[in-house]
Amino acid sequence: MQVIGAVLGSLGTGLKRVHRVEDGLSTAELLGNAALAIGALVVIWGVLQAAGVEIVGWIRDQVIN
């Protein structure tokens, strides 16, 4: 029983040490940032596509008239 307590105690100490060190980005943070970037690109692409259709139509009207 004491062996199990000692092992769990050392695991707890190790986890506390690991949890306190936050030097870099975690995988979850990187995936979150990537998801936000992809979402932003999709929105920008949609806006540019809609504006591009209007601009092409405006240029066509200017050339025809």
PDB file of N, CA and C in Angstrom:
ATOM      1  N   MET A   1       0.811  -1.186   0.000  1.00  0.00           N
ATOM      2  CA  MET A   1       0.000   0.000   0.000  1.00  0.00           C
ATOM      3  C   MET A   1       0.870   1.272   0.000  1.00  0.00           C
ATOM      4  N   GLN A   2       1.968   1.195   0.763  1.00  0.00           N
ATOM      5  CA  GLN A   2       2.852   2.356   0.820  1.00  0.00           C
ATOM      6  C   GLN A   2       3.539   2.592  -0.519  1.00  0.00           C
ATOM      7  N   VAL A   3       3.783   1.506  -1.242  1.00  0.00           N
ATOM      8  CA  VAL A   3       4.422   1.636  -2.556  1.00  0.00           C
ATOM      9  C   VAL A   3       3.487   2.373  -3.510  1.00  0.00           C
ATOM     10  N   ILE A   4       2.217   2.015  -3.480  1.00  0.00           N
ATOM     11  CA  ILE A   4       1.239   2.689  -4.349  1.00  0.00           C
ATOM     12  C   ILE A   4       1.131   4.159  -3.983  1.00  0.00           C
ATOM     13  N   GLY A   5       1.126   4.456  -2.684  1.00  0.00           N
ATOM     14  CA  GLY A   5       1.075   5.851  -2.242  1.00  0.00           C
ATOM     15  C   GLY A   5       2.291   6.628  -2.702  1.00  0.00           C
ATOM     16  N   ALA A   6       3.469   5.994  -2.619  1.00  0.00           N
ATOM     17  CA  ALA A   6       4.697   6.666  -3.045  1.00  0.00           C
ATOM     18  C   ALA A   6       4.685   6.918  -4.551  1.00  0.00           C
ATOM     19  N   VAL A   7       4.199   5.936  -5.319  1.00  0.00           N
ATOM     20  CA  VAL A   7       4.138   6.095  -6.774  1.00  0.00           C
ATOM     21  C   VAL A   7       3.156   7.199  -7.138  1.00  0.00           C
ATOM     22  N   LEU A   8       1.981   7.197  -6.514  1.00  0.00           N
ATOM     23  CA  LEU A   8       0.992   8.245  -6.812  1.00  0.00           C
ATOM     24  C   LEU A   8       1.491   9.613  -6.378  1.00  0.00           C
ATOM     25  N   GLY A   9       2.203   9.660  -5.256  1.00  0.00           N
ATOM     26  CA  GLY A   9       2.756  10.936  -4.801  1.00  0.00           C
ATOM     27  C   GLY A   9       3.788  11.482  -5.776  1.00  0.00           C
ATOM     28  N   SER A  10       4.661  10.597  -6.275  1.00  0.00           N
ATOM     29  CA  SER A  10       5.678  11.065  -7.222  1.00  0.00           C
ATOM     30  C   SER A  10       5.041  11.444  -8.554  1.00  0.00           C
ATOM     31  N   LEU A  11       3.982  10.733  -8.965  1.00  0.00           N
ATOM     32  CA  LEU A  11       3.279  11.119 -10.191  1.00  0.00           C
ATOM     33  C   LEU A  11       2.635  12.486 -10.040  1.00  0.00           C
ATOM     34  N   GLY A  12       2.024  12.727  -8.871  1.00  0.00           N
ATOM     35  CA  GLY A  12       1.402  14.027  -8.621  1.00  0.00           C
ATOM     36  C   GLY A  12       2.414  15.149  -8.660  1.00  0.00           C
ATOM     37  N   THR A  13       3.578  14.921  -8.064  1.00  0.00           N
ATOM     38  CA  THR A  13       4.640  15.935  -8.084  1.00  0.00           C
ATOM     39  C   THR A  13       5.114  16.181  -9.508  1.00  0.00           C
ATOM     40  N   GLY A  14       5.269  15.115 -10.283  1.00  0.00           N
ATOM     41  CA  GLY A  14       5.691  15.265 -11.676  1.00  0.00           C
ATOM     42  C   GLY A  14       4.673  16.009 -12.499  1.00  0.00           C
ATOM     43  N   LEU A  15       3.397  15.713 -12.273  1.00  0.00           N
ATOM     44  CA  LEU A  15       2.347  16.409 -13.022  1.00  0.00           C
ATOM     45  C   LEU A  15       2.297  17.886 -12.669  1.00  0.00           C
ATOM     46  N   LYS A  16       2.529  18.204 -11.395  1.00  0.00           N
ATOM     47  CA  LYS A  16       2.552  19.611 -10.999  1.00  0.00           C
ATOM     48  C   LYS A  16       3.697  20.335 -11.696  1.00  0.00           C
ATOM     49  N   ARG A  17       4.857  19.684 -11.776  1.00  0.00           N
ATOM     50  CA  ARG A  17       6.001  20.290 -12.442  1.00  0.00           C
ATOM     51  C   ARG A  17       5.715  20.502 -13.928  1.00  0.00           C
ATOM     52  N   VAL A  18       5.116  19.506 -14.558  1.00  0.00           N
ATOM     53  CA  VAL A  18       4.803  19.607 -15.982  1.00  0.00           C
ATOM     54  C   VAL A  18       3.763  20.692 -16.216  1.00  0.00           C
ATOM     55  N   HIS A  19       2.798  20.780 -15.343  1.00  0.00           N
ATOM     56  CA  HIS A  19       1.718  21.759 -15.518  1.00  0.00           C
ATOM     57  C   HIS A  19       2.224  23.190 -15.362  1.00  0.00           C
ATOM     58  N   ARG A  20       3.210  23.395 -14.487  1.00  0.00           N
ATOM     59  CA  ARG A  20       3.707  24.749 -14.249  1.00  0.00           C
ATOM     60  C   ARG A  20       4.528  25.284 -15.402  1.00  0.00           C
ATOM     61  N   VAL A  21       5.161  24.428 -16.159  1.00  0.00           N
ATOM     62  CA  VAL A  21       6.023  24.874 -17.258  1.00  0.00           C
ATOM     63  C   VAL A  21       5.156  25.122 -18.489  1.00  0.00           C
ATOM     64  N   GLU A  22       5.110  26.374 -18.920  1.00  0.00           N
ATOM     65  CA  GLU A  22       4.317  26.747 -20.100  1.00  0.00           C
ATOM     66  C   GLU A  22       5.195  27.561 -21.047  1.00  0.00           C
ATOM     67  N   ASP A  23       6.251  26.940 -21.529  1.00  0.00           N
ATOM     68  CA  ASP A  23       7.206  27.656 -22.368  1.00  0.00           C
ATOM     69  C   ASP A  23       6.733  27.827 -23.803  1.00  0.00           C
ATOM     70  N   GLY A  24       6.010  26.863 -24.346  1.00  0.00           N
ATOM     71  CA  GLY A  24       5.644  26.931 -25.756  1.00  0.00           C
ATOM     72  C   GLY A  24       4.154  26.811 -25.960  1.00  0.00           C
ATOM     73  N   LEU A  25       3.778  26.706 -27.214  1.00  0.00           N
ATOM     74  CA  LEU A  25       2.374  26.537 -27.563  1.00  0.00           C
ATOM     75  C   LEU A  25       1.999  25.067 -27.483  1.00  0.00           C
ATOM     76  N   SER A  26       0.801  24.812 -27.030  1.00  0.00           N
ATOM     77  CA  SER A  26       0.334  23.433 -26.994  1.00  0.00           C
ATOM     78  C   SER A  26      -0.315  23.080 -28.332  1.00  0.00           C
ATOM     79  N   THR A  27      -0.535  21.809 -28.529  1.00  0.00           N
ATOM     80  CA  THR A  27      -1.152  21.350 -29.769  1.00  0.00           C
ATOM     81  C   THR A  27      -2.551  21.932 -29.921  1.00  0.00           C
ATOM     82  N   ALA A  28      -3.284  22.014 -28.821  1.00  0.00           N
ATOM     83  CA  ALA A  28      -4.643  22.562 -28.879  1.00  0.00           C
ATOM     84  C   ALA A  28      -4.627  24.033 -29.303  1.00  0.00           C
ATOM     85  N   GLU A  29      -3.671  24.789 -28.797  1.00  0.00           N
ATOM     86  CA  GLU A  29      -3.565  26.197 -29.191  1.00  0.00           C
ATOM     87  C   GLU A  29      -3.228  26.322 -30.675  1.00  0.00           C
ATOM     88  N   LEU A  30      -2.316  25.494 -31.148  1.00  0.00           N
ATOM     89  CA  LEU A  30      -1.945  25.552 -32.565  1.00  0.00           C
ATOM     90  C   LEU A  30      -3.120  25.158 -33.462  1.00  0.00           C
ATOM     91  N   LEU A  31      -3.846  24.110 -33.070  1.00  0.00           N
ATOM     92  CA  LEU A  31      -5.007  23.697 -33.862  1.00  0.00           C
ATOM     93  C   LEU A  31      -6.099  24.763 -33.837  1.00  0.00           C
ATOM     94  N   GLY A  32      -6.289  25.404 -32.695  1.00  0.00           N
ATOM     95  CA  GLY A  32      -7.266  26.480 -32.606  1.00  0.00           C
ATOM     96  C   GLY A  32      -6.894  27.647 -33.502  1.00  0.00           C
ATOM     97  N   ASN A  33      -5.624  28.022 -33.482  1.00  0.00           N
ATOM     98  CA  ASN A  33      -5.170  29.117 -34.344  1.00  0.00           C
ATOM     99  C   ASN A  33      -5.322  28.752 -35.819  1.00  0.00           C
ATOM    100  N   ALA A  34      -5.028  27.509 -36.160  1.00  0.00           N
ATOM    101  CA  ALA A  34      -5.177  27.073 -37.552  1.00  0.00           C
ATOM    102  C   ALA A  34      -6.641  27.110 -37.971  1.00  0.00           C
ATOM    103  N   ALA A  35      -7.543  26.694 -37.085  1.00  0.00           N
ATOM    104  CA  ALA A  35      -8.968  26.719 -37.404  1.00  0.00           C
ATOM    105  C   ALA A  35      -9.459  28.150 -37.603  1.00  0.00           C
ATOM    106  N   LEU A  36      -9.017  29.070 -36.757  1.00  0.00           N
ATOM    107  CA  LEU A  36      -9.398  30.474 -36.922  1.00  0.00           C
ATOM    108  C   LEU A  36      -8.859  31.038 -38.234  1.00  0.00           C
ATOM    109  N   ALA A  37      -7.636  30.692 -38.582  1.00  0.00           N
ATOM    110  CA  ALA A  37      -7.042  31.186 -39.834  1.00  0.00           C
ATOM    111  C   ALA A  37      -7.810  30.649 -41.037  1.00  0.00           C
ATOM    112  N   ILE A  38      -8.178  29.379 -41.010  1.00  0.00           N
ATOM    113  CA  ILE A  38      -8.942  28.802 -42.124  1.00  0.00           C
ATOM    114  C   ILE A  38     -10.303  29.463 -42.228  1.00  0.00           C
ATOM    115  N   GLY A  39     -10.955  29.693 -41.087  1.00  0.00           N
ATOM    116  CA  GLY A  39     -12.245  30.380 -41.095  1.00  0.00           C
ATOM    117  C   GLY A  39     -12.138  31.783 -41.666  1.00  0.00           C
ATOM    118  N   ALA A  40     -11.087  32.499 -41.277  1.00  0.00           N
ATOM    119  CA  ALA A  40     -10.884  33.855 -41.804  1.00  0.00           C
ATOM    120  C   ALA A  40     -10.641  33.827 -43.304  1.00  0.00           C
ATOM    121  N   LEU A  41      -9.868  32.868 -43.782  1.00  0.00           N
ATOM    122  CA  LEU A  41      -9.616  32.767 -45.220  1.00  0.00           C
ATOM    123  C   LEU A  41     -10.891  32.470 -46.005  1.00  0.00           C
ATOM    124  N   VAL A  42     -11.747  31.624 -45.444  1.00  0.00           N
ATOM    125  CA  VAL A  42     -13.011  31.308 -46.117  1.00  0.00           C
ATOM    126  C   VAL A  42     -13.891  32.554 -46.205  1.00  0.00           C
ATOM    127  N   VAL A  43     -13.958  33.323 -45.132  1.00  0.00           N
ATOM    128  CA  VAL A  43     -14.763  34.548 -45.139  1.00  0.00           C
ATOM    129  C   VAL A  43     -14.194  35.554 -46.132  1.00  0.00           C
ATOM    130  N   ILE A  44     -12.882  35.749 -46.117  1.00  0.00           N
ATOM    131  CA  ILE A  44     -12.244  36.689 -47.051  1.00  0.00           C
ATOM    132  C   ILE A  44     -12.472  36.243 -48.490  1.00  0.00           C
ATOM    133  N   TRP A  45     -12.336  34.936 -48.752  1.00  0.00           N
ATOM    134  CA  TRP A  45     -12.556  34.413 -50.097  1.00  0.00           C
ATOM    135  C   TRP A  45     -13.988  34.683 -50.550  1.00  0.00           C
ATOM    136  N   GLY A  46     -14.955  34.473 -49.675  1.00  0.00           N
ATOM    137  CA  GLY A  46     -16.353  34.723 -50.030  1.00  0.00           C
ATOM    138  C   GLY A  46     -16.624  36.184 -50.340  1.00  0.00           C
ATOM    139  N   VAL A  47     -16.061  37.079 -49.540  1.00  0.00           N
ATOM    140  CA  VAL A  47     -16.248  38.521 -49.777  1.00  0.00           C
ATOM    141  C   VAL A  47     -15.606  38.928 -51.091  1.00  0.00           C
ATOM    142  N   LEU A  48     -14.397  38.456 -51.346  1.00  0.00           N
ATOM    143  CA  LEU A  48     -13.718  38.810 -52.590  1.00  0.00           C
ATOM    144  C   LEU A  48     -14.432  38.229 -53.809  1.00  0.00           C
ATOM    145  N   GLN A  49     -14.978  37.034 -53.657  1.00  0.00           N
ATOM    146  CA  GLN A  49     -15.699  36.438 -54.774  1.00  0.00           C
ATOM    147  C   GLN A  49     -16.952  37.244 -55.097  1.00  0.00           C
ATOM    148  N   ALA A  50     -17.700  37.640 -54.076  1.00  0.00           N
ATOM    149  CA  ALA A  50     -18.910  38.436 -54.295  1.00  0.00           C
ATOM    150  C   ALA A  50     -18.561  39.810 -54.869  1.00  0.00           C
ATOM    151  N   ALA A  51     -17.524  40.431 -54.339  1.00  0.00           N
ATOM    152  CA  ALA A  51     -17.114  41.748 -54.846  1.00  0.00           C
ATOM    153  C   ALA A  51     -16.571  41.623 -56.260  1.00  0.00           C
ATOM    154  N   GLY A  52     -15.869  40.526 -56.542  1.00  0.00           N
ATOM    155  CA  GLY A  52     -15.305  40.320 -57.879  1.00  0.00           C
ATOM    156  C   GLY A  52     -16.379  40.215 -58.934  1.00  0.00           C
ATOM    157  N   VAL A  53     -17.486  39.561 -58.629  1.00  0.00           N
ATOM    158  CA  VAL A  53     -18.593  39.442 -59.586  1.00  0.00           C
ATOM    159  C   VAL A  53     -19.183  40.815 -59.868  1.00  0.00           C
ATOM    160  N   GLU A  54     -19.335  41.612 -58.828  1.00  0.00           N
ATOM    161  CA  GLU A  54     -19.879  42.962 -59.026  1.00  0.00           C
ATOM    162  C   GLU A  54     -18.916  43.835 -59.818  1.00  0.00           C
ATOM    163  N   ILE A  55     -17.639  43.725 -59.543  1.00  0.00           N
ATOM    164  CA  ILE A  55     -16.638  44.538 -60.250  1.00  0.00           C
ATOM    165  C   ILE A  55     -16.573  44.144 -61.718  1.00  0.00           C
ATOM    166  N   VAL A  56     -16.612  42.859 -62.014  1.00  0.00           N
ATOM    167  CA  VAL A  56     -16.586  42.399 -63.404  1.00  0.00           C
ATOM    168  C   VAL A  56     -17.833  42.889 -64.133  1.00  0.00           C
ATOM    169  N   GLY A  57     -18.972  42.836 -63.472  1.00  0.00           N
ATOM    170  CA  GLY A  57     -20.205  43.350 -64.080  1.00  0.00           C
ATOM    171  C   GLY A  57     -20.121  44.852 -64.348  1.00  0.00           C
ATOM    172  N   TRP A  58     -19.548  45.594 -63.408  1.00  0.00           N
ATOM    173  CA  TRP A  58     -19.402  47.040 -63.586  1.00  0.00           C
ATOM    174  C   TRP A  58     -18.467  47.336 -64.762  1.00  0.00           C
ATOM    175  N   ILE A  59     -17.360  46.610 -64.876  1.00  0.00           N
ATOM    176  CA  ILE A  59     -16.422  46.817 -65.987  1.00  0.00           C
ATOM    177  C   ILE A  59     -17.102  46.465 -67.310  1.00  0.00           C
ATOM    178  N   ARG A  60     -17.859  45.380 -67.333  1.00  0.00           N
ATOM    179  CA  ARG A  60     -18.574  44.985 -68.552  1.00  0.00           C
ATOM    180  C   ARG A  60     -19.555  46.073 -68.987  1.00  0.00           C
ATOM    181  N   ASP A  61     -20.280  46.637 -68.008  1.00  0.00           N
ATOM    182  CA  ASP A  61     -21.215  47.720 -68.334  1.00  0.00           C
ATOM    183  C   ASP A  61     -20.492  48.942 -68.876  1.00  0.00           C
ATOM    184  N   GLN A  62     -19.316  49.257 -68.337  1.00  0.00           N
ATOM    185  CA  GLN A  62     -18.556  50.412 -68.801  1.00  0.00           C
ATOM    186  C   GLN A  62     -18.029  50.208 -70.217  1.00  0.00           C
ATOM    187  N   VAL A  63     -17.637  48.986 -70.545  1.00  0.00           N
ATOM    188  CA  VAL A  63     -17.089  48.710 -71.859  1.00  0.00           C
ATOM    189  C   VAL A  63     -18.205  48.694 -72.904  1.00  0.00           C
ATOM    190  N   ILE A  64     -19.339  48.108 -72.558  1.00  0.00           N
ATOM    191  CA  ILE A  64     -20.436  48.011 -73.510  1.00  0.00           C
ATOM    192  C   ILE A  64     -21.043  49.381 -73.789  1.00  0.00           C
ATOM    193  N   ASN A  65     -21.158  50.216 -72.775  1.00  0.00           N
ATOM    194  CA  ASN A  65     -21.777  51.544 -72.972  1.00  0.00           C
ATOM    195  C   ASN A  65     -20.749  52.468 -73.458  1.00  0.00           C
TER     196      ASN A  65
END
